[in-house]
Structure formats: structure tokens, C-alpha cells
Amino acid sequence: MASDWKDSLDPVFRDFVKSLIEETKKYKDVYENSDNPSKVQIWIALGILYRKLLSIEGKLSEIESILNNKELKEKLEEYLKKL
């Protein structure tokens, strides 16, 4: 039996790959019924990663807004103390 190509990956990276493959299995009926299942599975994995990226970017934007507002608040407090 041939060895699994994932076994030759760095252990941490291998876990990420296996996790992503597991997530794509939610769409197994879609890629198995396509003309090119392996290609469709990769596109599904990219879609999953893109969705996660957008979520992280949204959260980061919220954090940046909070920090920016806090900085403005601190500047205003410093200004008011000088009056």
C-alpha cells in the first residue's frame, strides 16, 4: 500500500491540511457529482479558507476601530486635563 502523502508533511501543517479536508467533506455530494472532483474539492477548500479570511479581517477591523476610538478618547482626556 502506498503511503499517504500527508504523512510526509510537517506535523503542524499536516493537521491543518487534514482539518481542511474534513471541512470539505461537508460538500462531498457536490464535488463527487462534478466532472472533476479533485479540482472542485480544491475550489471548495479555497472557498472555506476565503470565508475564514473574511471573518478574521472583519474581526480585526472591529478591534482596530475599538483601539482607534480608545486612542481618541485618551487624547481628549489629556486635552481636557490641560484646561
Protein backbone atom coordinates (compact mmCIF):
# COMPACT_ATOMS: atom_id res chain seq x y z
CA MET A 1 0.00 0.00 0.00
CA ALA A 2 1.34 3.45 -0.91
CA SER A 3 1.97 5.82 1.93
CA ASP A 4 -0.35 8.78 2.45
CA TRP A 5 1.24 11.94 1.02
CA LYS A 6 0.06 13.87 4.08
CA ASP A 7 2.37 11.78 6.28
CA SER A 8 5.41 13.49 4.74
CA LEU A 9 4.18 16.96 5.75
CA ASP A 10 5.32 18.91 8.79
CA PRO A 11 3.12 17.63 11.67
CA VAL A 12 1.52 21.01 12.39
CA PHE A 13 0.86 21.73 8.72
CA ARG A 14 -0.44 18.17 8.26
CA ASP A 15 -3.05 18.81 10.96
CA PHE A 16 -4.17 21.97 9.16
CA VAL A 17 -4.45 20.11 5.85
CA LYS A 18 -6.36 17.21 7.40
CA SER A 19 -8.73 19.65 9.12
CA LEU A 20 -9.40 21.46 5.85
CA ILE A 21 -10.00 18.16 4.04
CA GLU A 22 -12.51 17.22 6.76
CA GLU A 23 -14.31 20.54 6.29
CA THR A 24 -14.60 19.96 2.54
CA LYS A 25 -16.37 16.66 3.22
CA LYS A 26 -19.49 18.67 4.07
CA TYR A 27 -19.69 19.30 0.31
CA LYS A 28 -18.82 15.76 -0.76
CA ASP A 29 -22.02 15.34 -2.77
CA VAL A 30 -21.12 18.46 -4.76
CA TYR A 31 -17.58 17.52 -5.73
CA GLU A 32 -18.28 13.82 -6.23
CA ASN A 33 -21.02 14.63 -8.76
CA SER A 34 -18.81 17.04 -10.72
CA ASP A 35 -16.77 16.38 -13.86
CA ASN A 36 -13.51 16.90 -11.95
CA PRO A 37 -13.99 16.04 -8.25
CA SER A 38 -10.42 16.77 -7.13
CA LYS A 39 -10.43 20.22 -8.74
CA VAL A 40 -13.84 21.05 -7.27
CA GLN A 41 -12.71 19.87 -3.82
CA ILE A 42 -9.74 22.26 -4.02
CA TRP A 43 -12.03 25.15 -5.01
CA ILE A 44 -14.31 24.30 -2.10
CA ALA A 45 -11.28 24.31 0.24
CA LEU A 46 -10.26 27.72 -1.14
CA GLY A 47 -13.79 28.98 -0.53
CA ILE A 48 -13.66 27.76 3.06
CA LEU A 49 -10.31 29.47 3.59
CA TYR A 50 -11.58 32.69 1.99
CA ARG A 51 -14.64 32.69 4.25
CA LYS A 52 -12.34 32.33 7.27
CA LEU A 53 -10.08 35.12 5.99
CA LEU A 54 -13.03 37.48 5.61
CA SER A 55 -14.19 36.63 9.12
CA ILE A 56 -10.74 37.36 10.55
CA GLU A 57 -10.48 40.61 8.59
CA GLY A 58 -13.88 41.68 9.91
CA LYS A 59 -12.88 40.94 13.49
CA LEU A 60 -9.56 42.75 13.02
CA SER A 61 -11.38 45.77 11.66
CA GLU A 62 -13.63 45.82 14.73
CA ILE A 63 -10.60 45.60 17.03
CA GLU A 64 -8.85 48.40 15.13
CA SER A 65 -11.95 50.59 15.46
CA ILE A 66 -12.08 49.96 19.19
CA LEU A 67 -8.38 50.77 19.57
CA ASN A 68 -8.69 53.89 17.46
CA ASN A 69 -11.64 55.09 19.49
CA LYS A 70 -9.75 54.39 22.71
CA GLU A 71 -6.78 56.40 21.46
CA LEU A 72 -9.05 59.32 20.56
CA LYS A 73 -10.71 59.09 23.96
CA GLU A 74 -7.33 59.18 25.72
CA LYS A 75 -6.20 62.19 23.67
CA LEU A 76 -9.40 64.02 24.53
CA GLU A 77 -8.95 63.24 28.22
CA GLU A 78 -5.37 64.57 28.10
CA TYR A 79 -6.54 67.73 26.37
CA LEU A 80 -9.30 68.29 28.91
CA LYS A 81 -6.87 67.87 31.79
CA LYS A 82 -4.79 70.74 30.40
CA LEU A 83 -7.78 73.14 30.53
